[in-house]
């Protein structure tokens, strides 16, 4: 059956309209799914609510390198506004050496920082064709690995902590897929429980006050 010239003309016009629109949607900068790796400085310290004697606040910190992987999705809202969701799994080299014979007053005890799970969202503004400035907020669950010993018996346990994270950063688009970023984030942990090894039940949840400051850089890809 021979198609009507009118139908052919209409179909051609529709295709010419749809294809550029789809291409434009896909090429919106700083939008779509992404994956990334991050690394940077990690500083953990007892918070302002800690007071272990009657005369002064004693605070002690541990610091090291944080590193991990993240995923996310950013949606374009208008020409410059971006709203996204993200998740990250990281670890850290921050620790306190149990063998240095120095009394430890860090409020989590003798400890090294373990895995950290973060889930949150971010809002950004496209400041230029290649630059996104953003702020972020979300939930973080950090684990601290504790080791105690009396010289013959070791007690190995985990402290799982819950808190919130706030941050801000700048993302630079290298090309249509690759990007780099720099970010500062602050985390505060207010609740925790001991996760014992073996068959020992976990402890009840209790209050803590621990601050975490991180400055990281990242490299990622969009799809």
N, C-alpha and C. Protein backbone atom coordinates (compact mmCIF):
# COMPACT_ATOMS: atom_id res chain seq x y z
N UNK A 1 0.86 -1.19 0.00
CA UNK A 1 0.00 0.00 0.00
C UNK A 1 0.89 1.22 0.00
N UNK A 2 0.61 2.15 -0.87
CA UNK A 2 1.41 3.37 -1.00
C UNK A 2 1.03 4.36 0.09
N UNK A 3 2.06 4.89 0.81
CA UNK A 3 1.80 5.82 1.89
C UNK A 3 1.52 7.21 1.34
N UNK A 4 0.67 7.92 2.06
CA UNK A 4 0.30 9.27 1.66
C UNK A 4 1.49 10.20 1.81
N UNK A 5 1.72 11.08 0.83
CA UNK A 5 2.80 12.07 0.98
C UNK A 5 2.64 12.92 2.22
N UNK A 6 1.37 13.15 2.64
CA UNK A 6 1.14 13.96 3.83
C UNK A 6 1.64 13.25 5.08
N UNK A 7 1.40 11.90 5.15
CA UNK A 7 1.88 11.14 6.29
C UNK A 7 3.41 11.09 6.33
N UNK A 8 4.01 10.93 5.15
CA UNK A 8 5.47 10.92 5.10
C UNK A 8 6.05 12.24 5.55
N UNK A 9 5.45 13.32 5.14
CA UNK A 9 5.93 14.65 5.53
C UNK A 9 5.78 14.86 7.03
N UNK A 10 4.63 14.42 7.57
CA UNK A 10 4.40 14.58 9.01
C UNK A 10 5.38 13.74 9.82
N UNK A 11 5.63 12.50 9.37
CA UNK A 11 6.57 11.63 10.08
C UNK A 11 7.98 12.18 10.06
N UNK A 12 8.38 12.71 8.91
CA UNK A 12 9.72 13.30 8.81
C UNK A 12 9.86 14.50 9.73
N UNK A 13 8.84 15.33 9.77
CA UNK A 13 8.87 16.52 10.63
C UNK A 13 8.94 16.12 12.10
N UNK A 14 8.17 15.07 12.49
CA UNK A 14 8.18 14.62 13.88
C UNK A 14 9.55 14.08 14.26
N UNK A 15 10.16 13.30 13.38
CA UNK A 15 11.50 12.75 13.65
C UNK A 15 12.52 13.86 13.79
N UNK A 16 12.42 14.87 12.95
CA UNK A 16 13.37 15.98 13.01
C UNK A 16 13.21 16.76 14.30
N UNK A 17 12.00 16.77 14.86
CA UNK A 17 11.77 17.49 16.11
C UNK A 17 12.20 16.68 17.32
N UNK A 18 11.95 15.35 17.31
CA UNK A 18 12.22 14.51 18.46
C UNK A 18 13.70 14.26 18.65
N UNK A 19 14.42 13.97 17.58
CA UNK A 19 15.83 13.61 17.69
C UNK A 19 16.66 14.72 18.34
N UNK A 20 16.57 16.00 17.88
CA UNK A 20 17.35 17.03 18.56
C UNK A 20 16.94 17.21 20.01
N UNK A 21 15.64 17.06 20.32
CA UNK A 21 15.20 17.21 21.71
C UNK A 21 15.79 16.14 22.59
N UNK A 22 15.82 14.90 22.10
CA UNK A 22 16.41 13.81 22.89
C UNK A 22 17.90 14.02 23.07
N UNK A 23 18.55 14.44 22.00
CA UNK A 23 19.99 14.68 22.09
C UNK A 23 20.30 15.80 23.07
N UNK A 24 19.44 16.84 23.06
CA UNK A 24 19.66 17.95 23.98
C UNK A 24 19.48 17.50 25.42
N UNK A 25 18.46 16.63 25.68
CA UNK A 25 18.23 16.14 27.04
C UNK A 25 19.41 15.31 27.53
N UNK A 26 19.97 14.48 26.63
CA UNK A 26 21.09 13.63 27.02
C UNK A 26 22.37 14.43 27.22
N UNK A 27 22.49 15.57 26.55
CA UNK A 27 23.72 16.33 26.63
C UNK A 27 23.68 17.41 27.71
N UNK A 28 22.60 17.49 28.52
CA UNK A 28 22.56 18.45 29.61
C UNK A 28 23.72 18.19 30.55
N UNK A 29 24.58 19.17 30.81
CA UNK A 29 25.76 18.93 31.64
C UNK A 29 25.37 18.56 33.06
N UNK A 30 26.19 17.72 33.69
CA UNK A 30 26.02 17.33 35.08
C UNK A 30 24.67 16.66 35.36
N UNK A 31 24.23 15.81 34.47
CA UNK A 31 22.99 15.07 34.68
C UNK A 31 23.19 13.61 34.28
N UNK A 32 22.35 12.74 34.84
CA UNK A 32 22.41 11.33 34.54
C UNK A 32 23.14 10.53 35.61
N UNK A 33 23.23 9.21 35.44
CA UNK A 33 23.91 8.35 36.41
C UNK A 33 25.42 8.54 36.36
N UNK A 34 26.07 8.27 37.50
CA UNK A 34 27.52 8.45 37.58
C UNK A 34 28.12 7.45 38.57
N UNK A 35 29.40 7.16 38.39
CA UNK A 35 30.20 6.38 39.33
C UNK A 35 31.51 7.11 39.55
N UNK A 36 32.12 6.93 40.73
CA UNK A 36 33.33 7.68 41.03
C UNK A 36 34.16 6.97 42.08
N UNK A 37 35.43 7.35 42.15
CA UNK A 37 36.32 6.95 43.23
C UNK A 37 36.78 8.21 43.93
N UNK A 38 36.97 8.12 45.26
CA UNK A 38 37.38 9.30 46.03
C UNK A 38 38.53 8.93 46.95
N UNK A 39 39.30 9.93 47.33
CA UNK A 39 40.38 9.76 48.31
C UNK A 39 40.65 11.13 48.92
N UNK A 40 41.09 11.13 50.18
CA UNK A 40 41.39 12.40 50.80
C UNK A 40 41.73 12.28 52.27
N UNK A 41 41.71 13.41 52.95
CA UNK A 41 42.10 13.54 54.34
C UNK A 41 40.93 13.25 55.27
N UNK A 42 41.18 12.49 56.34
CA UNK A 42 40.13 12.09 57.27
C UNK A 42 40.57 12.40 58.70
N UNK A 43 39.76 13.19 59.41
CA UNK A 43 40.09 13.62 60.78
C UNK A 43 38.89 13.32 61.69
N UNK A 44 39.09 12.44 62.67
CA UNK A 44 38.04 12.06 63.63
C UNK A 44 38.43 12.58 65.01
N UNK A 45 37.45 13.12 65.73
CA UNK A 45 37.78 13.61 67.07
C UNK A 45 36.56 13.57 67.97
N UNK A 46 36.82 13.55 69.27
CA UNK A 46 35.73 13.61 70.23
C UNK A 46 35.05 14.96 70.12
N UNK A 47 33.73 14.97 70.32
CA UNK A 47 32.96 16.20 70.15
C UNK A 47 32.96 17.08 71.38
N UNK A 48 32.27 18.19 71.28
CA UNK A 48 32.28 19.19 72.35
C UNK A 48 31.53 18.72 73.59
N UNK A 49 30.72 17.66 73.45
CA UNK A 49 29.95 17.19 74.60
C UNK A 49 30.71 16.24 75.51
N UNK A 50 32.00 16.00 75.22
CA UNK A 50 32.77 15.04 76.01
C UNK A 50 33.49 15.76 77.15
N UNK A 51 33.34 15.25 78.35
CA UNK A 51 34.04 15.81 79.51
C UNK A 51 34.37 14.66 80.45
N UNK A 52 35.61 14.24 80.47
CA UNK A 52 35.96 13.06 81.26
C UNK A 52 36.60 13.41 82.60
N UNK A 53 36.69 14.70 82.93
CA UNK A 53 37.11 15.06 84.28
C UNK A 53 36.34 16.31 84.69
N UNK A 54 36.66 16.87 85.84
CA UNK A 54 35.88 17.99 86.39
C UNK A 54 36.49 19.35 86.08
N UNK A 55 37.64 19.38 85.41
CA UNK A 55 38.32 20.66 85.24
C UNK A 55 38.41 21.12 83.79
N UNK A 56 38.39 20.20 82.83
CA UNK A 56 38.58 20.61 81.45
C UNK A 56 38.07 19.54 80.50
N UNK A 57 37.82 19.94 79.28
CA UNK A 57 37.46 18.99 78.23
C UNK A 57 38.74 18.40 77.64
N UNK A 58 38.85 17.09 77.63
CA UNK A 58 39.98 16.42 77.02
C UNK A 58 39.52 15.81 75.70
N UNK A 59 40.12 16.26 74.63
CA UNK A 59 39.75 15.78 73.32
C UNK A 59 40.97 15.17 72.64
N UNK A 60 40.75 14.11 71.92
CA UNK A 60 41.85 13.49 71.19
C UNK A 60 41.34 13.06 69.84
N UNK A 61 42.19 13.10 68.85
CA UNK A 61 41.77 12.83 67.48
C UNK A 61 42.62 11.75 66.86
N UNK A 62 42.07 11.14 65.81
CA UNK A 62 42.83 10.25 64.95
C UNK A 62 42.65 10.75 63.52
N UNK A 63 43.65 10.56 62.70
CA UNK A 63 43.57 11.06 61.34
C UNK A 63 44.29 10.12 60.39
N UNK A 64 43.92 10.21 59.11
CA UNK A 64 44.51 9.34 58.11
C UNK A 64 43.96 9.66 56.74
N UNK A 65 43.94 8.66 55.88
CA UNK A 65 43.46 8.82 54.51
C UNK A 65 42.16 8.05 54.35
N UNK A 66 41.14 8.71 53.83
CA UNK A 66 39.90 8.03 53.48
C UNK A 66 39.89 7.73 51.99
N UNK A 67 39.26 6.63 51.60
CA UNK A 67 39.22 6.22 50.20
C UNK A 67 37.97 5.36 49.99
N UNK A 68 37.38 5.45 48.79
CA UNK A 68 36.18 4.68 48.56
C UNK A 68 35.62 4.86 47.17
N UNK A 69 34.40 4.37 47.00
CA UNK A 69 33.69 4.44 45.72
C UNK A 69 32.29 4.98 45.97
N UNK A 70 31.74 5.63 44.95
CA UNK A 70 30.41 6.20 45.07
C UNK A 70 29.63 6.06 43.78
N UNK A 71 28.30 6.11 43.93
CA UNK A 71 27.40 6.13 42.78
C UNK A 71 26.40 7.25 43.00
N UNK A 72 25.78 7.70 41.91
CA UNK A 72 24.79 8.76 42.06
C UNK A 72 24.00 8.99 40.79
N UNK A 73 22.99 9.80 40.91
CA UNK A 73 22.18 10.20 39.76
C UNK A 73 21.78 11.64 39.97
N UNK A 74 21.98 12.46 38.94
CA UNK A 74 21.61 13.87 38.99
C UNK A 74 20.60 14.17 37.89
N UNK A 75 19.55 14.90 38.25
CA UNK A 75 18.52 15.28 37.29
C UNK A 75 18.60 16.77 37.01
N UNK A 76 18.45 17.13 35.75
CA UNK A 76 18.45 18.55 35.35
C UNK A 76 17.07 19.13 35.59
N UNK A 77 17.02 20.21 36.35
CA UNK A 77 15.78 20.95 36.59
C UNK A 77 15.99 22.35 36.03
N UNK A 78 15.55 22.56 34.82
CA UNK A 78 15.85 23.82 34.15
C UNK A 78 17.26 23.80 33.59
N UNK A 79 17.76 24.96 33.28
CA UNK A 79 19.08 25.05 32.64
C UNK A 79 20.23 24.89 33.62
N UNK A 80 20.07 25.35 34.86
CA UNK A 80 21.22 25.41 35.77
C UNK A 80 21.05 24.63 37.06
N UNK A 81 19.84 24.27 37.46
CA UNK A 81 19.64 23.58 38.72
C UNK A 81 19.76 22.07 38.54
N UNK A 82 20.49 21.40 39.46
CA UNK A 82 20.65 19.96 39.44
C UNK A 82 20.29 19.41 40.82
N UNK A 83 19.48 18.35 40.83
CA UNK A 83 19.09 17.68 42.06
C UNK A 83 19.44 16.21 41.92
N UNK A 84 20.13 15.65 42.93
CA UNK A 84 20.60 14.29 42.79
C UNK A 84 20.53 13.48 44.07
N UNK A 85 20.68 12.17 43.91
CA UNK A 85 20.81 11.23 45.02
C UNK A 85 22.13 10.50 44.86
N UNK A 86 22.74 10.09 45.99
CA UNK A 86 24.05 9.46 45.92
C UNK A 86 24.27 8.52 47.09
N UNK A 87 25.20 7.60 46.92
CA UNK A 87 25.60 6.66 47.97
C UNK A 87 27.10 6.43 47.86
N UNK A 88 27.72 6.15 48.99
CA UNK A 88 29.18 5.97 49.01
C UNK A 88 29.57 4.93 50.05
N UNK A 89 30.56 4.13 49.71
CA UNK A 89 31.18 3.18 50.64
C UNK A 89 32.66 3.50 50.70
N UNK A 90 33.15 3.77 51.90
CA UNK A 90 34.55 4.17 52.04
C UNK A 90 35.18 3.49 53.25
N UNK A 91 36.48 3.62 53.33
CA UNK A 91 37.26 3.10 54.46
C UNK A 91 38.28 4.18 54.83
N UNK A 92 39.06 3.92 55.86
CA UNK A 92 40.00 4.93 56.32
C UNK A 92 41.21 4.27 56.97
N UNK A 93 42.34 4.96 56.88
CA UNK A 93 43.55 4.50 57.56
C UNK A 93 43.73 5.15 58.92
N UNK A 94 42.79 6.00 59.35
CA UNK A 94 42.91 6.70 60.63
C UNK A 94 42.88 5.69 61.78
N UNK A 95 43.84 5.82 62.70
CA UNK A 95 43.90 4.88 63.81
C UNK A 95 44.73 5.44 64.95
N UNK A 96 44.59 4.81 66.10
CA UNK A 96 45.43 5.08 67.25
C UNK A 96 46.17 3.82 67.60
N UNK A 97 47.48 3.92 67.78
CA UNK A 97 48.34 2.76 68.01
C UNK A 97 48.26 2.33 69.47
N UNK A 98 47.79 1.11 69.72
CA UNK A 98 47.69 0.61 71.09
C UNK A 98 49.05 0.37 71.74
N UNK A 99 50.09 0.37 70.96
CA UNK A 99 51.40 -0.01 71.49
C UNK A 99 52.33 1.18 71.73
N UNK A 100 51.76 2.41 71.69
CA UNK A 100 52.67 3.55 71.84
C UNK A 100 52.80 4.03 73.29
N UNK A 101 52.15 3.31 74.24
CA UNK A 101 52.28 3.61 75.67
C UNK A 101 51.84 5.01 76.05
N UNK A 102 51.02 5.63 75.23
CA UNK A 102 50.48 6.95 75.53
C UNK A 102 49.03 6.82 75.95
N UNK A 103 48.63 7.35 77.12
CA UNK A 103 47.23 7.25 77.52
C UNK A 103 46.31 7.85 76.46
N UNK A 104 45.18 7.19 76.23
CA UNK A 104 44.27 7.59 75.17
C UNK A 104 42.99 8.13 75.76
N UNK A 105 42.59 9.33 75.36
CA UNK A 105 41.36 9.93 75.87
C UNK A 105 40.34 10.14 74.77
N UNK A 106 40.60 9.60 73.59
CA UNK A 106 39.60 9.67 72.51
C UNK A 106 38.34 8.96 72.98
N UNK A 107 37.16 9.59 72.78
CA UNK A 107 35.97 9.10 73.46
C UNK A 107 35.49 7.75 72.96
N UNK A 108 36.05 7.23 71.87
CA UNK A 108 35.71 5.90 71.40
C UNK A 108 36.72 4.85 71.86
N UNK A 109 37.68 5.26 72.64
CA UNK A 109 38.66 4.31 73.14
C UNK A 109 39.80 4.08 72.17
N UNK A 110 40.49 2.96 72.32
CA UNK A 110 41.60 2.60 71.44
C UNK A 110 41.01 2.02 70.16
N UNK A 111 41.27 2.70 69.05
CA UNK A 111 40.39 2.54 67.92
C UNK A 111 41.09 2.79 66.59
N UNK A 112 40.57 2.15 65.53
CA UNK A 112 40.89 2.58 64.17
C UNK A 112 39.59 2.69 63.39
N UNK A 113 39.54 3.66 62.50
CA UNK A 113 38.33 3.93 61.73
C UNK A 113 38.15 2.84 60.67
N UNK A 114 36.93 2.33 60.56
CA UNK A 114 36.64 1.29 59.58
C UNK A 114 35.75 1.80 58.46
N UNK A 115 34.90 0.93 57.96
CA UNK A 115 34.07 1.26 56.82
C UNK A 115 33.04 2.33 57.18
N UNK A 116 32.66 3.08 56.17
CA UNK A 116 31.67 4.15 56.34
C UNK A 116 30.68 4.07 55.20
N UNK A 117 29.39 4.01 55.53
CA UNK A 117 28.32 3.97 54.53
C UNK A 117 27.58 5.30 54.57
N UNK A 118 27.44 5.91 53.40
CA UNK A 118 26.75 7.19 53.30
C UNK A 118 25.66 7.11 52.24
N UNK A 119 24.47 7.65 52.56
CA UNK A 119 23.37 7.76 51.61
C UNK A 119 22.77 9.14 51.78
N UNK A 120 22.63 9.88 50.68
CA UNK A 120 22.10 11.23 50.81
C UNK A 120 21.73 11.82 49.47
N UNK A 121 21.60 13.12 49.48
CA UNK A 121 21.24 13.85 48.27
C UNK A 121 22.05 15.12 48.16
N UNK A 122 21.96 15.74 46.99
CA UNK A 122 22.68 16.99 46.79
C UNK A 122 21.91 17.90 45.84
N UNK A 123 22.18 19.20 45.97
CA UNK A 123 21.59 20.21 45.10
C UNK A 123 22.73 21.05 44.56
N UNK A 124 22.76 21.23 43.24
CA UNK A 124 23.84 21.97 42.63
C UNK A 124 23.37 23.01 41.64
N UNK A 125 24.25 23.94 41.36
CA UNK A 125 24.00 24.99 40.38
C UNK A 125 25.13 24.97 39.36
N UNK A 126 24.77 24.94 38.07
CA UNK A 126 25.77 24.98 37.00
C UNK A 126 26.27 26.42 36.90
N UNK A 127 27.49 26.64 37.39
CA UNK A 127 28.05 27.99 37.41
C UNK A 127 28.63 28.39 36.07
N UNK A 128 29.08 27.40 35.29
CA UNK A 128 29.58 27.62 33.94
C UNK A 128 29.39 26.32 33.18
N UNK A 129 29.60 26.28 31.88
CA UNK A 129 29.38 25.04 31.15
C UNK A 129 30.14 23.83 31.69
N UNK A 130 31.24 24.07 32.42
CA UNK A 130 32.06 22.96 32.92
C UNK A 130 32.14 22.89 34.44
N UNK A 131 31.43 23.74 35.15
CA UNK A 131 31.57 23.81 36.61
C UNK A 131 30.21 23.70 37.29
N UNK A 132 30.12 22.76 38.24
CA UNK A 132 28.95 22.61 39.09
C UNK A 132 29.36 22.86 40.54
N UNK A 133 28.63 23.74 41.21
CA UNK A 133 28.83 24.00 42.64
C UNK A 133 27.65 23.39 43.38
N UNK A 134 27.91 22.60 44.43
CA UNK A 134 26.82 21.86 45.05
C UNK A 134 26.97 21.79 46.57
N UNK A 135 25.85 21.51 47.22
CA UNK A 135 25.80 21.21 48.64
C UNK A 135 25.13 19.86 48.82
N UNK A 136 25.48 19.15 49.90
CA UNK A 136 24.96 17.80 50.10
C UNK A 136 24.60 17.59 51.56
N UNK A 137 23.74 16.58 51.80
CA UNK A 137 23.35 16.21 53.16
C UNK A 137 22.83 14.79 53.12
N UNK A 138 23.01 14.06 54.24
CA UNK A 138 22.50 12.70 54.28
C UNK A 138 22.87 11.97 55.56
N UNK A 139 22.65 10.67 55.53
CA UNK A 139 22.87 9.78 56.67
C UNK A 139 24.20 9.05 56.50
N UNK A 140 24.92 8.89 57.60
CA UNK A 140 26.17 8.15 57.57
C UNK A 140 26.23 7.16 58.72
N UNK A 141 26.71 5.96 58.42
CA UNK A 141 26.91 4.91 59.42
C UNK A 141 28.38 4.50 59.36
N UNK A 142 29.11 4.86 60.40
CA UNK A 142 30.55 4.60 60.42
C UNK A 142 30.86 3.53 61.45
N UNK A 143 31.83 2.71 61.14
CA UNK A 143 32.27 1.65 62.06
C UNK A 143 33.67 1.99 62.56
N UNK A 144 33.86 1.82 63.88
CA UNK A 144 35.17 1.94 64.49
C UNK A 144 35.55 0.59 65.09
N UNK A 145 36.74 0.14 64.77
CA UNK A 145 37.22 -1.17 65.24
C UNK A 145 38.02 -0.97 66.52
N UNK A 146 37.61 -1.65 67.58
CA UNK A 146 38.22 -1.48 68.90
C UNK A 146 38.98 -2.75 69.29
N UNK A 147 40.15 -2.56 69.84
CA UNK A 147 40.95 -3.69 70.30
C UNK A 147 41.46 -3.39 71.69
N UNK A 148 41.09 -4.23 72.66
CA UNK A 148 41.60 -4.10 74.01
C UNK A 148 42.37 -5.35 74.40
N UNK A 149 43.36 -5.20 75.24
CA UNK A 149 44.15 -6.35 75.66
C UNK A 149 44.69 -6.12 77.06
N UNK A 150 44.85 -7.23 77.81
CA UNK A 150 45.51 -7.15 79.11
C UNK A 150 46.90 -7.77 79.05
N UNK A 151 47.38 -7.99 77.83
CA UNK A 151 48.69 -8.61 77.63
C UNK A 151 48.61 -10.06 77.24
N UNK A 152 47.48 -10.69 77.56
CA UNK A 152 47.33 -12.11 77.22
C UNK A 152 46.01 -12.39 76.51
N UNK A 153 44.97 -11.63 76.82
CA UNK A 153 43.65 -11.82 76.22
C UNK A 153 43.29 -10.57 75.43
N UNK A 154 42.91 -10.77 74.17
CA UNK A 154 42.49 -9.66 73.33
C UNK A 154 40.97 -9.63 73.22
N UNK A 155 40.41 -8.44 73.24
CA UNK A 155 38.98 -8.25 73.02
C UNK A 155 38.81 -7.42 71.76
N UNK A 156 38.26 -8.03 70.72
CA UNK A 156 38.09 -7.38 69.43
C UNK A 156 36.60 -7.15 69.19
N UNK A 157 36.21 -5.91 68.98
CA UNK A 157 34.81 -5.59 68.78
C UNK A 157 34.68 -4.38 67.88
N UNK A 158 33.45 -4.12 67.42
CA UNK A 158 33.18 -2.98 66.56
C UNK A 158 32.22 -2.03 67.27
N UNK A 159 32.39 -0.76 66.98
CA UNK A 159 31.44 0.25 67.42
C UNK A 159 30.77 0.81 66.17
N UNK A 160 29.49 0.53 65.98
CA UNK A 160 28.74 1.04 64.83
C UNK A 160 28.02 2.31 65.24
N UNK A 161 28.24 3.37 64.49
CA UNK A 161 27.72 4.69 64.85
C UNK A 161 26.81 5.23 63.76
N UNK A 162 25.80 5.99 64.19
CA UNK A 162 24.86 6.64 63.27
C UNK A 162 24.97 8.14 63.41
N UNK A 163 24.86 8.84 62.26
CA UNK A 163 24.91 10.28 62.31
C UNK A 163 24.50 10.91 60.99
N UNK A 164 24.81 12.18 60.86
CA UNK A 164 24.46 12.91 59.64
C UNK A 164 25.71 13.50 59.02
N UNK A 165 25.63 13.81 57.74
CA UNK A 165 26.75 14.41 57.02
C UNK A 165 26.27 15.63 56.25
N UNK A 166 27.04 16.70 56.31
CA UNK A 166 26.82 17.91 55.52
C UNK A 166 28.09 18.18 54.72
N UNK A 167 27.93 18.70 53.52
CA UNK A 167 29.11 18.96 52.72
C UNK A 167 28.85 19.92 51.58
N UNK A 168 29.93 20.31 50.93
CA UNK A 168 29.85 21.19 49.77
C UNK A 168 31.05 20.90 48.89
N UNK A 169 30.88 21.13 47.59
CA UNK A 169 31.97 20.84 46.68
C UNK A 169 31.83 21.50 45.33
N UNK A 170 32.83 21.27 44.51
CA UNK A 170 32.87 21.79 43.14
C UNK A 170 33.22 20.63 42.22
N UNK A 171 32.45 20.49 41.15
CA UNK A 171 32.68 19.44 40.17
C UNK A 171 33.03 20.08 38.83
N UNK A 172 34.05 19.53 38.18
CA UNK A 172 34.51 20.07 36.90
C UNK A 172 34.38 18.99 35.84
N UNK A 173 33.65 19.29 34.80
CA UNK A 173 33.42 18.34 33.71
C UNK A 173 34.57 18.40 32.71
N UNK A 174 35.28 17.27 32.57
CA UNK A 174 36.41 17.22 31.66
C UNK A 174 35.97 17.05 30.21
N UNK A 175 34.97 16.19 30.01
CA UNK A 175 34.36 16.01 28.68
C UNK A 175 32.92 15.58 28.91
N UNK A 176 32.28 14.99 27.92
CA UNK A 176 30.88 14.63 28.05
C UNK A 176 30.64 13.54 29.08
N UNK A 177 31.68 12.79 29.48
CA UNK A 177 31.53 11.70 30.42
C UNK A 177 32.36 11.84 31.70
N UNK A 178 33.59 12.25 31.58
CA UNK A 178 34.51 12.26 32.71
C UNK A 178 34.43 13.57 33.49
N UNK A 179 34.65 13.47 34.81
CA UNK A 179 34.68 14.67 35.65
C UNK A 179 35.62 14.44 36.83
N UNK A 180 36.03 15.54 37.43
CA UNK A 180 36.78 15.52 38.68
C UNK A 180 36.05 16.42 39.67
N UNK A 181 36.31 16.22 40.97
CA UNK A 181 35.64 17.05 41.96
C UNK A 181 36.51 17.21 43.20
N UNK A 182 36.22 18.24 43.97
CA UNK A 182 36.83 18.47 45.27
C UNK A 182 35.70 18.78 46.24
N UNK A 183 35.79 18.20 47.46
CA UNK A 183 34.64 18.28 48.37
C UNK A 183 35.11 18.31 49.81
N UNK A 184 34.43 19.13 50.61
CA UNK A 184 34.58 19.10 52.07
C UNK A 184 33.30 18.56 52.65
N UNK A 185 33.42 17.66 53.67
CA UNK A 185 32.22 17.20 54.36
C UNK A 185 32.49 17.05 55.86
N UNK A 186 31.45 17.38 56.61
CA UNK A 186 31.47 17.27 58.07
C UNK A 186 30.42 16.25 58.49
N UNK A 187 30.82 15.31 59.35
CA UNK A 187 29.90 14.30 59.87
C UNK A 187 29.89 14.38 61.39
N UNK A 188 28.71 14.14 61.96
CA UNK A 188 28.57 14.09 63.42
C UNK A 188 27.81 12.82 63.77
N UNK A 189 28.40 12.03 64.68
CA UNK A 189 27.79 10.76 65.09
C UNK A 189 27.27 10.91 66.52
N UNK A 190 25.99 10.57 66.70
CA UNK A 190 25.32 10.82 67.98
C UNK A 190 24.81 9.55 68.65
N UNK A 191 24.71 8.44 67.92
CA UNK A 191 24.21 7.19 68.48
C UNK A 191 25.14 6.05 68.06
N UNK A 192 25.24 5.03 68.95
CA UNK A 192 26.16 3.93 68.65
C UNK A 192 25.72 2.68 69.39
N UNK A 193 26.29 1.56 68.95
CA UNK A 193 26.13 0.28 69.65
C UNK A 193 27.38 -0.55 69.44
N UNK A 194 27.70 -1.38 70.44
CA UNK A 194 28.82 -2.29 70.31
C UNK A 194 28.37 -3.53 69.55
N UNK A 195 29.14 -3.88 68.53
CA UNK A 195 28.90 -5.09 67.74
C UNK A 195 29.98 -6.09 68.10
N UNK A 196 29.66 -7.03 69.00
CA UNK A 196 30.66 -7.97 69.51
C UNK A 196 30.87 -9.12 68.53
N UNK A 197 32.06 -9.68 68.58
CA UNK A 197 32.38 -10.84 67.76
C UNK A 197 31.72 -12.09 68.35
N UNK A 198 31.55 -13.12 67.51
CA UNK A 198 31.03 -14.39 67.98
C UNK A 198 29.55 -14.34 68.29
N UNK A 199 29.15 -15.06 69.34
CA UNK A 199 27.74 -15.20 69.68
C UNK A 199 27.27 -14.18 70.72
N UNK A 200 28.14 -13.29 71.13
CA UNK A 200 27.74 -12.28 72.11
C UNK A 200 26.77 -11.30 71.49
N UNK A 201 25.61 -11.05 72.11
CA UNK A 201 24.65 -10.10 71.53
C UNK A 201 25.21 -8.69 71.48
N UNK A 202 24.73 -7.92 70.50
CA UNK A 202 25.13 -6.52 70.42
C UNK A 202 24.62 -5.77 71.64
N UNK A 203 25.28 -4.68 71.95
CA UNK A 203 24.87 -3.87 73.09
C UNK A 203 23.63 -3.05 72.75
N UNK A 204 23.04 -2.45 73.78
CA UNK A 204 21.98 -1.47 73.55
C UNK A 204 22.59 -0.22 72.94
N UNK A 205 21.76 0.54 72.25
CA UNK A 205 22.24 1.79 71.64
C UNK A 205 22.41 2.86 72.72
N UNK A 206 23.43 3.70 72.55
CA UNK A 206 23.70 4.74 73.53
C UNK A 206 24.18 5.99 72.80
N UNK A 207 24.23 7.10 73.53
CA UNK A 207 24.61 8.39 72.95
C UNK A 207 26.13 8.53 72.91
N UNK A 208 26.61 9.14 71.82
CA UNK A 208 28.01 9.53 71.71
C UNK A 208 28.06 10.93 71.10
N UNK A 209 29.25 11.47 71.03
CA UNK A 209 29.44 12.77 70.37
C UNK A 209 30.80 12.74 69.69
N UNK A 210 30.80 12.44 68.40
CA UNK A 210 32.04 12.31 67.63
C UNK A 210 31.93 13.11 66.34
N UNK A 211 32.92 13.93 66.07
CA UNK A 211 32.97 14.75 64.86
C UNK A 211 33.93 14.15 63.85
N UNK A 212 33.63 14.39 62.57
CA UNK A 212 34.51 13.91 61.51
C UNK A 212 34.60 14.98 60.43
N UNK A 213 35.82 15.36 60.09
CA UNK A 213 36.07 16.33 59.03
C UNK A 213 36.86 15.64 57.92
N UNK A 214 36.40 15.81 56.68
CA UNK A 214 37.07 15.18 55.54
C UNK A 214 37.18 16.17 54.38
N UNK A 215 38.30 16.12 53.71
CA UNK A 215 38.49 16.86 52.45
C UNK A 215 38.92 15.82 51.42
N UNK A 216 38.13 15.66 50.36
CA UNK A 216 38.40 14.60 49.39
C UNK A 216 38.42 15.15 47.98
N UNK A 217 39.07 14.43 47.11
CA UNK A 217 39.01 14.67 45.67
C UNK A 217 38.48 13.39 45.03
N UNK A 218 37.84 13.53 43.87
CA UNK A 218 37.27 12.38 43.21
C UNK A 218 37.41 12.45 41.70
N UNK A 219 37.34 11.28 41.08
CA UNK A 219 37.34 11.15 39.63
C UNK A 219 36.17 10.25 39.27
N UNK A 220 35.35 10.66 38.30
CA UNK A 220 34.17 9.87 37.97
C UNK A 220 33.83 9.88 36.51
N UNK A 221 32.82 9.06 36.20
CA UNK A 221 32.30 8.95 34.84
C UNK A 221 30.78 9.01 34.89
N UNK A 222 30.20 9.69 33.88
CA UNK A 222 28.74 9.73 33.69
C UNK A 222 28.38 8.87 32.50
N UNK A 223 27.14 8.38 32.54
CA UNK A 223 26.67 7.50 31.48
C UNK A 223 25.35 8.02 30.89
